Amino acid sequence: MITGVKGGKSWRIGTHAEVAWISGGVTTDLTITSAIPPVYETYATIVIPTEPEARRRREKVLLTLLSEHSADQPWWLGYLDNGNDDIVFPGAEKVDLYQSSWHYVLAEAGPDQAAAWRQNRPLSLGKGVLPDLMFPADRCWLFSTLWDDDWSCIGGPAALVNGFLRHPHLEARSVDLGQDATPPGHQAF
């Protein structure tokens, strides 16, 4: 088992084995499957607000909703190495993910660490503090924010995704497989 140390505690570092199910199911197009494999009941996109206070509120809501649908199990947190960002465990081995072979550091932790580990992330990156990729050990949902998008994607059970769609502090919309996942007024790169 490979570990990394953060805050005086050892955390399990993930390998390709933890994300092979994602790599084997994603596509290179504008559909939701560019970020989320087609294994879930429902899908949605959630816009990332540009205003920092709205972004912080969004992150708190996201973590609350995701926590309600992951029982008491660890989460895999993925941090994209884009050359400018905090990947939390800089010396850790990276895994390649998505068709562009982006490099991620994975750590097995939970929602508390997802909220805390990137507190010093520059606001100029516009993404907030959350990891770029999150899913619980049982893979019942997957949350992903691709590097070049100003929205996040989620796949999971209808009860979870509906919570995102109904929440007044989130700009979320349902997305079907095969449908362009780009939110109205946004541009995919």
N, C-alpha and C. Protein backbone atom coordinates (compact mmCIF):
# COMPACT_ATOMS: atom_id res chain seq x y z
N MET A 1 0.84 -1.18 0.00
CA MET A 1 0.00 0.00 0.00
C MET A 1 0.89 1.25 0.00
N ILE A 2 0.61 2.15 -0.91
CA ILE A 2 1.34 3.41 -1.01
C ILE A 2 0.60 4.45 -0.18
N THR A 3 1.35 5.21 0.63
CA THR A 3 0.71 6.24 1.45
C THR A 3 1.42 7.58 1.28
N GLY A 4 0.70 8.62 1.62
CA GLY A 4 1.24 9.97 1.67
C GLY A 4 0.86 10.55 3.02
N VAL A 5 1.64 11.49 3.51
CA VAL A 5 1.38 12.08 4.82
C VAL A 5 0.86 13.50 4.63
N LYS A 6 -0.22 13.80 5.32
CA LYS A 6 -0.81 15.14 5.31
C LYS A 6 -1.38 15.38 6.70
N GLY A 7 -1.03 16.50 7.30
CA GLY A 7 -1.54 16.81 8.63
C GLY A 7 -1.12 15.81 9.69
N GLY A 8 0.06 15.19 9.53
CA GLY A 8 0.55 14.23 10.49
C GLY A 8 -0.09 12.85 10.41
N LYS A 9 -0.91 12.62 9.40
CA LYS A 9 -1.60 11.34 9.24
C LYS A 9 -1.26 10.74 7.89
N SER A 10 -1.18 9.42 7.83
CA SER A 10 -0.93 8.73 6.57
C SER A 10 -2.24 8.48 5.85
N TRP A 11 -2.21 8.73 4.54
CA TRP A 11 -3.39 8.53 3.69
C TRP A 11 -3.01 7.61 2.55
N ARG A 12 -3.90 6.69 2.22
CA ARG A 12 -3.65 5.77 1.12
C ARG A 12 -3.67 6.53 -0.21
N ILE A 13 -2.66 6.32 -1.04
CA ILE A 13 -2.56 6.92 -2.36
C ILE A 13 -3.08 5.91 -3.38
N GLY A 14 -3.95 6.37 -4.26
CA GLY A 14 -4.56 5.48 -5.23
C GLY A 14 -3.68 5.19 -6.43
N THR A 15 -3.99 4.11 -7.09
CA THR A 15 -3.29 3.68 -8.29
C THR A 15 -4.30 3.60 -9.44
N HIS A 16 -3.82 3.19 -10.59
CA HIS A 16 -4.71 3.06 -11.74
C HIS A 16 -5.88 2.10 -11.45
N ALA A 17 -5.67 1.14 -10.58
CA ALA A 17 -6.73 0.17 -10.26
C ALA A 17 -7.99 0.86 -9.73
N GLU A 18 -7.83 1.95 -9.00
CA GLU A 18 -8.99 2.65 -8.43
C GLU A 18 -9.79 3.41 -9.47
N VAL A 19 -9.19 3.77 -10.59
CA VAL A 19 -9.89 4.56 -11.60
C VAL A 19 -10.07 3.84 -12.94
N ALA A 20 -9.66 2.59 -13.03
CA ALA A 20 -9.78 1.86 -14.29
C ALA A 20 -11.24 1.81 -14.76
N TRP A 21 -12.17 1.73 -13.84
CA TRP A 21 -13.60 1.69 -14.21
C TRP A 21 -14.04 3.00 -14.86
N ILE A 22 -13.38 4.11 -14.52
CA ILE A 22 -13.69 5.39 -15.15
C ILE A 22 -13.03 5.44 -16.52
N SER A 23 -11.74 5.14 -16.55
CA SER A 23 -10.98 5.19 -17.81
C SER A 23 -11.61 4.34 -18.90
N GLY A 24 -12.12 3.19 -18.53
CA GLY A 24 -12.70 2.27 -19.51
C GLY A 24 -14.08 2.67 -19.99
N GLY A 25 -14.68 3.71 -19.41
CA GLY A 25 -16.05 4.04 -19.77
C GLY A 25 -16.28 5.44 -20.30
N VAL A 26 -15.25 6.27 -20.32
CA VAL A 26 -15.45 7.64 -20.78
C VAL A 26 -15.14 7.81 -22.26
N THR A 27 -15.66 8.89 -22.83
CA THR A 27 -15.53 9.15 -24.26
C THR A 27 -14.81 10.48 -24.49
N THR A 28 -14.54 10.80 -25.73
CA THR A 28 -13.96 12.11 -26.05
C THR A 28 -14.94 12.85 -26.94
N ASP A 29 -15.94 13.42 -26.32
CA ASP A 29 -16.95 14.20 -27.03
C ASP A 29 -17.57 15.18 -26.05
N LEU A 30 -18.68 15.76 -26.39
CA LEU A 30 -19.31 16.76 -25.53
C LEU A 30 -20.40 16.20 -24.63
N THR A 31 -20.57 14.89 -24.60
CA THR A 31 -21.60 14.29 -23.78
C THR A 31 -21.12 14.14 -22.34
N ILE A 32 -22.03 13.80 -21.46
CA ILE A 32 -21.70 13.62 -20.04
C ILE A 32 -20.66 12.51 -19.86
N THR A 33 -20.60 11.57 -20.82
CA THR A 33 -19.64 10.48 -20.69
C THR A 33 -18.21 10.89 -21.00
N SER A 34 -17.98 12.16 -21.28
CA SER A 34 -16.60 12.64 -21.35
C SER A 34 -16.01 12.76 -19.95
N ALA A 35 -16.87 12.81 -18.93
CA ALA A 35 -16.43 12.92 -17.54
C ALA A 35 -16.92 11.77 -16.66
N ILE A 36 -18.06 11.20 -16.99
CA ILE A 36 -18.70 10.19 -16.15
C ILE A 36 -19.03 8.96 -17.01
N PRO A 37 -18.58 7.77 -16.64
CA PRO A 37 -18.92 6.59 -17.44
C PRO A 37 -20.42 6.32 -17.39
N PRO A 38 -20.96 5.66 -18.42
CA PRO A 38 -22.41 5.41 -18.50
C PRO A 38 -22.86 4.24 -17.64
N VAL A 39 -22.68 4.35 -16.35
CA VAL A 39 -23.04 3.27 -15.43
C VAL A 39 -24.06 3.71 -14.38
N TYR A 40 -24.54 4.94 -14.47
CA TYR A 40 -25.41 5.48 -13.43
C TYR A 40 -26.84 5.64 -13.90
N GLU A 41 -27.73 5.78 -12.92
CA GLU A 41 -29.15 5.97 -13.19
C GLU A 41 -29.43 7.34 -13.80
N THR A 42 -28.78 8.39 -13.26
CA THR A 42 -29.03 9.75 -13.72
C THR A 42 -27.73 10.57 -13.70
N TYR A 43 -27.78 11.70 -14.45
CA TYR A 43 -26.60 12.56 -14.62
C TYR A 43 -27.03 14.02 -14.58
N ALA A 44 -26.08 14.88 -14.21
CA ALA A 44 -26.35 16.31 -14.22
C ALA A 44 -25.03 17.08 -14.33
N THR A 45 -25.16 18.35 -14.71
CA THR A 45 -24.04 19.27 -14.65
C THR A 45 -24.39 20.36 -13.64
N ILE A 46 -23.36 20.88 -12.98
CA ILE A 46 -23.53 21.92 -11.97
C ILE A 46 -22.53 23.03 -12.27
N VAL A 47 -23.02 24.22 -12.57
CA VAL A 47 -22.17 25.34 -12.93
C VAL A 47 -21.37 25.82 -11.71
N ILE A 48 -20.10 26.18 -11.94
CA ILE A 48 -19.25 26.74 -10.90
C ILE A 48 -19.43 28.26 -10.92
N PRO A 49 -19.93 28.85 -9.83
CA PRO A 49 -20.11 30.31 -9.80
C PRO A 49 -18.77 31.04 -9.89
N THR A 50 -18.80 32.22 -10.45
CA THR A 50 -17.57 33.02 -10.55
C THR A 50 -17.31 33.79 -9.26
N GLU A 51 -18.34 34.12 -8.51
CA GLU A 51 -18.20 34.91 -7.29
C GLU A 51 -17.73 33.98 -6.15
N PRO A 52 -16.63 34.32 -5.45
CA PRO A 52 -16.07 33.43 -4.42
C PRO A 52 -17.04 33.00 -3.33
N GLU A 53 -17.88 33.90 -2.82
CA GLU A 53 -18.82 33.51 -1.76
C GLU A 53 -19.84 32.51 -2.29
N ALA A 54 -20.33 32.70 -3.48
CA ALA A 54 -21.26 31.74 -4.09
C ALA A 54 -20.57 30.40 -4.33
N ARG A 55 -19.30 30.43 -4.68
CA ARG A 55 -18.53 29.20 -4.89
C ARG A 55 -18.39 28.44 -3.58
N ARG A 56 -18.09 29.16 -2.49
CA ARG A 56 -17.96 28.50 -1.18
C ARG A 56 -19.29 27.88 -0.76
N ARG A 57 -20.40 28.59 -0.99
CA ARG A 57 -21.72 28.06 -0.65
C ARG A 57 -22.01 26.81 -1.47
N ARG A 58 -21.67 26.84 -2.75
CA ARG A 58 -21.86 25.68 -3.64
C ARG A 58 -21.09 24.47 -3.11
N GLU A 59 -19.84 24.69 -2.71
CA GLU A 59 -19.02 23.59 -2.23
C GLU A 59 -19.58 22.95 -0.97
N LYS A 60 -20.08 23.78 -0.08
CA LYS A 60 -20.68 23.26 1.16
C LYS A 60 -21.92 22.41 0.83
N VAL A 61 -22.76 22.91 -0.06
CA VAL A 61 -23.95 22.16 -0.48
C VAL A 61 -23.56 20.85 -1.15
N LEU A 62 -22.58 20.91 -2.06
CA LEU A 62 -22.12 19.70 -2.75
C LEU A 62 -21.68 18.63 -1.77
N LEU A 63 -20.82 19.02 -0.84
CA LEU A 63 -20.32 18.04 0.12
C LEU A 63 -21.43 17.48 1.01
N THR A 64 -22.38 18.32 1.38
CA THR A 64 -23.50 17.84 2.20
C THR A 64 -24.32 16.81 1.43
N LEU A 65 -24.69 17.14 0.19
CA LEU A 65 -25.49 16.21 -0.61
C LEU A 65 -24.74 14.91 -0.89
N LEU A 66 -23.47 15.01 -1.26
CA LEU A 66 -22.69 13.80 -1.54
C LEU A 66 -22.53 12.94 -0.29
N SER A 67 -22.31 13.58 0.86
CA SER A 67 -22.16 12.84 2.12
C SER A 67 -23.43 12.08 2.49
N GLU A 68 -24.58 12.67 2.21
CA GLU A 68 -25.85 12.02 2.52
C GLU A 68 -26.05 10.75 1.69
N HIS A 69 -25.32 10.59 0.61
CA HIS A 69 -25.49 9.44 -0.28
C HIS A 69 -24.25 8.57 -0.36
N SER A 70 -23.44 8.58 0.69
CA SER A 70 -22.27 7.70 0.65
C SER A 70 -22.05 6.96 1.96
N ALA A 71 -23.07 6.92 2.77
CA ALA A 71 -23.01 6.19 4.04
C ALA A 71 -21.73 6.56 4.78
N ASP A 72 -21.20 5.64 5.52
CA ASP A 72 -19.98 5.90 6.30
C ASP A 72 -18.84 5.12 5.66
N GLN A 73 -18.37 5.62 4.52
CA GLN A 73 -17.29 4.95 3.80
C GLN A 73 -16.29 5.99 3.32
N PRO A 74 -15.06 5.57 3.04
CA PRO A 74 -14.08 6.52 2.52
C PRO A 74 -14.40 6.95 1.10
N TRP A 75 -13.85 8.09 0.73
CA TRP A 75 -13.97 8.61 -0.63
C TRP A 75 -12.60 8.61 -1.27
N TRP A 76 -12.58 8.50 -2.58
CA TRP A 76 -11.38 8.74 -3.35
C TRP A 76 -11.44 10.19 -3.82
N LEU A 77 -10.38 10.92 -3.54
CA LEU A 77 -10.27 12.32 -3.94
C LEU A 77 -9.17 12.43 -4.99
N GLY A 78 -9.49 13.03 -6.12
CA GLY A 78 -8.53 13.14 -7.21
C GLY A 78 -8.16 14.59 -7.48
N TYR A 79 -6.86 14.84 -7.56
CA TYR A 79 -6.34 16.19 -7.78
C TYR A 79 -5.57 16.21 -9.09
N LEU A 80 -6.05 17.00 -10.04
CA LEU A 80 -5.44 17.10 -11.35
C LEU A 80 -4.14 17.89 -11.30
N ASP A 81 -3.11 17.32 -11.89
CA ASP A 81 -1.83 18.02 -11.99
C ASP A 81 -1.81 18.81 -13.29
N ASN A 82 -2.18 20.08 -13.20
CA ASN A 82 -2.20 20.94 -14.38
C ASN A 82 -0.98 21.85 -14.43
N GLY A 83 -0.05 21.64 -13.50
CA GLY A 83 1.17 22.44 -13.46
C GLY A 83 1.07 23.69 -12.62
N ASN A 84 -0.14 24.14 -12.29
CA ASN A 84 -0.32 25.37 -11.53
C ASN A 84 -1.08 25.18 -10.24
N ASP A 85 -1.47 23.99 -9.91
CA ASP A 85 -2.42 23.78 -8.84
C ASP A 85 -1.84 22.91 -7.74
N ASP A 86 -2.49 22.93 -6.60
CA ASP A 86 -2.11 22.11 -5.46
C ASP A 86 -2.66 20.70 -5.65
N ILE A 87 -1.75 19.74 -5.80
CA ILE A 87 -2.19 18.35 -5.96
C ILE A 87 -2.14 17.61 -4.63
N VAL A 88 -1.94 18.33 -3.54
CA VAL A 88 -2.01 17.87 -2.16
C VAL A 88 -0.83 16.97 -1.77
N PHE A 89 -0.52 15.97 -2.57
CA PHE A 89 0.60 15.07 -2.33
C PHE A 89 1.57 15.17 -3.52
N PRO A 90 2.40 16.22 -3.56
CA PRO A 90 3.21 16.48 -4.76
C PRO A 90 4.16 15.36 -5.16
N GLY A 91 4.64 14.56 -4.23
CA GLY A 91 5.57 13.48 -4.57
C GLY A 91 4.91 12.17 -4.91
N ALA A 92 3.59 12.13 -4.83
CA ALA A 92 2.86 10.87 -5.04
C ALA A 92 2.83 10.47 -6.52
N GLU A 93 2.74 9.18 -6.73
CA GLU A 93 2.58 8.66 -8.08
C GLU A 93 1.23 9.12 -8.63
N LYS A 94 1.20 9.43 -9.90
CA LYS A 94 -0.03 9.92 -10.53
C LYS A 94 -0.64 8.82 -11.40
N VAL A 95 -1.95 8.94 -11.60
CA VAL A 95 -2.66 8.04 -12.52
C VAL A 95 -3.14 8.86 -13.71
N ASP A 96 -3.17 8.25 -14.88
CA ASP A 96 -3.69 8.91 -16.07
C ASP A 96 -5.17 8.64 -16.15
N LEU A 97 -5.92 9.68 -16.48
CA LEU A 97 -7.36 9.55 -16.52
C LEU A 97 -7.92 10.39 -17.65
N TYR A 98 -8.98 9.93 -18.21
CA TYR A 98 -9.67 10.56 -19.33
C TYR A 98 -8.84 10.43 -20.59
N GLN A 99 -9.48 10.65 -21.71
CA GLN A 99 -8.85 10.44 -23.00
C GLN A 99 -7.64 11.33 -23.22
N SER A 100 -7.57 12.46 -22.55
CA SER A 100 -6.44 13.36 -22.71
C SER A 100 -5.25 12.92 -21.87
N SER A 101 -5.41 11.83 -21.12
CA SER A 101 -4.36 11.33 -20.23
C SER A 101 -3.87 12.38 -19.24
N TRP A 102 -4.82 13.09 -18.64
CA TRP A 102 -4.47 14.03 -17.59
C TRP A 102 -3.96 13.23 -16.39
N HIS A 103 -3.04 13.82 -15.65
CA HIS A 103 -2.42 13.15 -14.51
C HIS A 103 -3.08 13.62 -13.21
N TYR A 104 -3.55 12.65 -12.44
CA TYR A 104 -4.21 12.92 -11.16
C TYR A 104 -3.46 12.23 -10.03
N VAL A 105 -3.47 12.86 -8.86
CA VAL A 105 -3.07 12.20 -7.63
C VAL A 105 -4.36 11.82 -6.92
N LEU A 106 -4.48 10.56 -6.51
CA LEU A 106 -5.65 10.07 -5.80
C LEU A 106 -5.30 9.79 -4.35
N ALA A 107 -6.18 10.16 -3.46
CA ALA A 107 -5.99 9.86 -2.04
C ALA A 107 -7.31 9.38 -1.47
N GLU A 108 -7.23 8.36 -0.64
CA GLU A 108 -8.42 7.84 0.02
C GLU A 108 -8.61 8.62 1.33
N ALA A 109 -9.71 9.35 1.40
CA ALA A 109 -9.95 10.20 2.56
C ALA A 109 -11.47 10.33 2.77
N GLY A 110 -11.97 11.56 2.80
CA GLY A 110 -13.40 11.75 3.00
C GLY A 110 -13.80 13.19 2.77
N PRO A 111 -15.06 13.53 3.07
CA PRO A 111 -15.56 14.88 2.80
C PRO A 111 -14.84 15.97 3.59
N ASP A 112 -14.40 15.66 4.81
CA ASP A 112 -13.69 16.68 5.59
C ASP A 112 -12.38 17.08 4.90
N GLN A 113 -11.66 16.10 4.39
CA GLN A 113 -10.42 16.38 3.69
C GLN A 113 -10.69 17.05 2.34
N ALA A 114 -11.77 16.66 1.68
CA ALA A 114 -12.14 17.30 0.40
C ALA A 114 -12.34 18.79 0.61
N ALA A 115 -12.90 19.16 1.74
CA ALA A 115 -13.16 20.58 2.04
C ALA A 115 -11.93 21.32 2.51
N ALA A 116 -10.96 20.62 3.07
CA ALA A 116 -9.85 21.30 3.74
C ALA A 116 -8.51 21.28 3.02
N TRP A 117 -8.22 20.27 2.25
CA TRP A 117 -6.86 20.10 1.75
C TRP A 117 -6.40 21.16 0.75
N ARG A 118 -7.30 21.85 0.09
CA ARG A 118 -6.90 22.88 -0.88
C ARG A 118 -7.32 24.28 -0.44
N GLN A 119 -7.30 24.56 0.82
CA GLN A 119 -7.73 25.87 1.31
C GLN A 119 -6.90 27.01 0.74
N ASN A 120 -5.67 26.74 0.33
CA ASN A 120 -4.80 27.79 -0.21
C ASN A 120 -4.82 27.83 -1.73
N ARG A 121 -5.77 27.17 -2.37
CA ARG A 121 -5.84 27.18 -3.82
C ARG A 121 -6.14 28.59 -4.31
N PRO A 122 -5.38 29.08 -5.28
CA PRO A 122 -5.61 30.44 -5.78
C PRO A 122 -7.02 30.62 -6.34
N LEU A 123 -7.70 31.68 -5.92
CA LEU A 123 -9.04 31.96 -6.42
C LEU A 123 -9.04 32.24 -7.91
N SER A 124 -7.88 32.64 -8.44
CA SER A 124 -7.79 32.94 -9.86
C SER A 124 -8.04 31.71 -10.73
N LEU A 125 -7.88 30.52 -10.16
CA LEU A 125 -8.16 29.31 -10.93
C LEU A 125 -9.65 29.11 -11.13
N GLY A 126 -10.46 29.76 -10.32
CA GLY A 126 -11.90 29.76 -10.52
C GLY A 126 -12.63 28.47 -10.24
N LYS A 127 -11.99 27.51 -9.60
CA LYS A 127 -12.62 26.21 -9.39
C LYS A 127 -13.03 25.96 -7.95
N GLY A 128 -12.56 26.74 -7.01
CA GLY A 128 -12.86 26.48 -5.61
C GLY A 128 -11.83 25.54 -5.01
N VAL A 129 -12.13 25.00 -3.83
CA VAL A 129 -11.15 24.19 -3.12
C VAL A 129 -11.38 22.69 -3.27
N LEU A 130 -12.50 22.27 -3.79
CA LEU A 130 -12.79 20.84 -3.85
C LEU A 130 -11.86 20.11 -4.81
N PRO A 131 -11.67 18.81 -4.58
CA PRO A 131 -10.90 18.01 -5.53
C PRO A 131 -11.57 18.02 -6.91
N ASP A 132 -10.79 17.70 -7.93
CA ASP A 132 -11.31 17.67 -9.29
C ASP A 132 -12.13 16.41 -9.56
N LEU A 133 -11.95 15.40 -8.72
CA LEU A 133 -12.62 14.12 -8.88
C LEU A 133 -12.94 13.57 -7.50
N MET A 134 -14.16 13.06 -7.31
CA MET A 134 -14.52 12.45 -6.03
C MET A 134 -15.50 11.31 -6.29
N PHE A 135 -15.29 10.22 -5.56
CA PHE A 135 -16.26 9.13 -5.55
C PHE A 135 -16.05 8.29 -4.30
N PRO A 136 -17.14 7.71 -3.75
CA PRO A 136 -17.00 6.88 -2.56
C PRO A 136 -16.46 5.50 -2.95
N ALA A 137 -16.00 4.77 -1.94
CA ALA A 137 -15.41 3.46 -2.17
C ALA A 137 -16.33 2.53 -2.95
N ASP A 138 -17.64 2.61 -2.72
CA ASP A 138 -18.57 1.71 -3.43
C ASP A 138 -18.96 2.22 -4.82
N ARG A 139 -18.44 3.39 -5.21
CA ARG A 139 -18.65 3.98 -6.54
C ARG A 139 -20.13 4.27 -6.83
N CYS A 140 -20.93 4.52 -5.82
CA CYS A 140 -22.36 4.75 -6.04
C CYS A 140 -22.63 6.09 -6.72
N TRP A 141 -21.64 6.98 -6.74
CA TRP A 141 -21.73 8.23 -7.48
C TRP A 141 -20.32 8.64 -7.90
N LEU A 142 -20.25 9.53 -8.87
CA LEU A 142 -18.98 10.08 -9.33
C LEU A 142 -19.18 11.56 -9.61
N PHE A 143 -18.30 12.37 -9.06
CA PHE A 143 -18.32 13.82 -9.25
C PHE A 143 -17.01 14.20 -9.90
N SER A 144 -17.07 14.92 -11.02
CA SER A 144 -15.86 15.27 -11.77
C SER A 144 -15.95 16.69 -12.32
N THR A 145 -14.85 17.42 -12.15
CA THR A 145 -14.72 18.74 -12.76
C THR A 145 -13.51 18.67 -13.68
N LEU A 146 -13.77 18.69 -14.97
CA LEU A 146 -12.68 18.62 -15.93
C LEU A 146 -11.93 19.94 -15.97
N TRP A 147 -10.65 19.88 -16.26
CA TRP A 147 -9.75 21.02 -16.17
C TRP A 147 -10.21 22.22 -16.96
N ASP A 148 -10.74 22.01 -18.13
CA ASP A 148 -11.08 23.12 -19.02
C ASP A 148 -12.56 23.50 -19.00
N ASP A 149 -13.32 23.02 -18.04
CA ASP A 149 -14.74 23.33 -17.95
C ASP A 149 -15.02 24.23 -16.74
N ASP A 150 -16.06 25.05 -16.83
CA ASP A 150 -16.48 25.86 -15.69
C ASP A 150 -17.77 25.30 -15.09
N TRP A 151 -17.89 24.00 -15.14
CA TRP A 151 -18.98 23.27 -14.52
C TRP A 151 -18.45 21.90 -14.10
N SER A 152 -19.21 21.24 -13.25
CA SER A 152 -18.89 19.90 -12.79
C SER A 152 -19.94 18.94 -13.31
N CYS A 153 -19.59 17.67 -13.34
CA CYS A 153 -20.52 16.63 -13.79
C CYS A 153 -20.71 15.64 -12.65
N ILE A 154 -21.91 15.10 -12.57
CA ILE A 154 -22.20 14.08 -11.57
C ILE A 154 -23.03 12.98 -12.20
N GLY A 155 -22.76 11.76 -11.77
CA GLY A 155 -23.58 10.61 -12.10
C GLY A 155 -23.87 9.88 -10.81
N GLY A 156 -25.08 9.36 -10.69
CA GLY A 156 -25.42 8.64 -9.46
C GLY A 156 -26.88 8.26 -9.43
N PRO A 157 -27.36 7.85 -8.26
CA PRO A 157 -28.76 7.49 -8.12
C PRO A 157 -29.67 8.72 -8.28
N ALA A 158 -30.90 8.49 -8.71
CA ALA A 158 -31.84 9.59 -8.95
C ALA A 158 -32.05 10.45 -7.71
N ALA A 159 -32.11 9.86 -6.54
CA ALA A 159 -32.33 10.64 -5.32
C ALA A 159 -31.22 11.66 -5.10
N LEU A 160 -29.98 11.26 -5.37
CA LEU A 160 -28.85 12.19 -5.22
C LEU A 160 -28.90 13.29 -6.28
N VAL A 161 -29.00 12.91 -7.52
CA VAL A 161 -28.99 13.89 -8.61
C VAL A 161 -30.18 14.83 -8.49
N ASN A 162 -31.33 14.33 -8.10
CA ASN A 162 -32.50 15.20 -7.90
C ASN A 162 -32.26 16.22 -6.79
N GLY A 163 -31.50 15.84 -5.77
CA GLY A 163 -31.14 16.79 -4.71
C GLY A 163 -30.33 17.95 -5.27
N PHE A 164 -29.44 17.65 -6.21
CA PHE A 164 -28.67 18.72 -6.88
C PHE A 164 -29.60 19.59 -7.72
N LEU A 165 -30.49 18.96 -8.45
CA LEU A 165 -31.37 19.69 -9.36
C LEU A 165 -32.34 20.61 -8.62
N ARG A 166 -32.78 20.21 -7.44
CA ARG A 166 -33.77 20.98 -6.68
C ARG A 166 -33.16 22.03 -5.76
N HIS A 167 -31.86 21.94 -5.51
CA HIS A 167 -31.28 22.83 -4.50
C HIS A 167 -31.21 24.27 -5.00
N PRO A 168 -31.71 25.24 -4.21
CA PRO A 168 -31.77 26.64 -4.65
C PRO A 168 -30.40 27.31 -4.81
N HIS A 169 -29.36 26.75 -4.21
CA HIS A 169 -28.03 27.37 -4.31
C HIS A 169 -27.17 26.75 -5.40
N LEU A 170 -27.75 25.87 -6.20
CA LEU A 170 -26.99 25.23 -7.27
C LEU A 170 -27.64 25.52 -8.61
N GLU A 171 -26.81 25.79 -9.59
CA GLU A 171 -27.29 25.92 -10.97
C GLU A 171 -27.00 24.59 -11.65
N ALA A 172 -27.94 23.66 -11.48
CA ALA A 172 -27.77 22.30 -11.99
C ALA A 172 -28.83 21.99 -13.03
N ARG A 173 -28.47 21.12 -13.97
CA ARG A 173 -29.45 20.67 -14.96
C ARG A 173 -29.21 19.21 -15.26
N SER A 174 -30.29 18.52 -15.48
CA SER A 174 -30.26 17.10 -15.83
C SER A 174 -29.68 16.94 -17.23
N VAL A 175 -28.90 15.88 -17.42
CA VAL A 175 -28.30 15.59 -18.71
C VAL A 175 -28.51 14.11 -19.02
N ASP A 176 -28.97 13.84 -20.22
CA ASP A 176 -29.15 12.46 -20.68
C ASP A 176 -27.90 11.98 -21.39
N LEU A 177 -27.69 10.67 -21.38
CA LEU A 177 -26.60 10.10 -22.16
C LEU A 177 -26.80 10.49 -23.62
N GLY A 178 -25.74 10.84 -24.30
CA GLY A 178 -25.83 11.23 -25.71
C GLY A 178 -26.12 12.69 -25.93
N GLN A 179 -26.55 13.40 -24.89
CA GLN A 179 -26.86 14.83 -24.99
C GLN A 179 -25.59 15.64 -24.73
N ASP A 180 -25.44 16.78 -25.41
CA ASP A 180 -24.34 17.70 -25.14
C ASP A 180 -24.46 18.14 -23.67
N ALA A 181 -23.41 17.93 -22.90
CA ALA A 181 -23.44 18.24 -21.46
C ALA A 181 -23.12 19.70 -21.17
N THR A 182 -22.73 20.46 -22.16
CA THR A 182 -22.36 21.85 -21.95
C THR A 182 -23.57 22.64 -21.46
N PRO A 183 -23.49 23.27 -20.29
CA PRO A 183 -24.63 24.06 -19.81
C PRO A 183 -24.91 25.24 -20.76
N PRO A 184 -26.15 25.63 -20.87
CA PRO A 184 -26.50 26.79 -21.73
C PRO A 184 -25.68 28.02 -21.32
N GLY A 185 -25.16 28.73 -22.30
CA GLY A 185 -24.37 29.92 -22.05
C GLY A 185 -22.91 29.65 -21.74
N HIS A 186 -22.49 28.40 -21.76
CA HIS A 186 -21.10 28.02 -21.48
C HIS A 186 -20.48 27.44 -22.74
N GLN A 187 -19.16 27.34 -22.73
CA GLN A 187 -18.46 26.84 -23.91
C GLN A 187 -17.53 25.70 -23.51
N ALA A 188 -17.62 24.59 -24.24
CA ALA A 188 -16.70 23.48 -24.03
C ALA A 188 -15.45 23.70 -24.87
N PHE A 189 -14.31 23.36 -24.30
CA PHE A 189 -13.03 23.53 -25.02
C PHE A 189 -12.46 22.21 -25.44
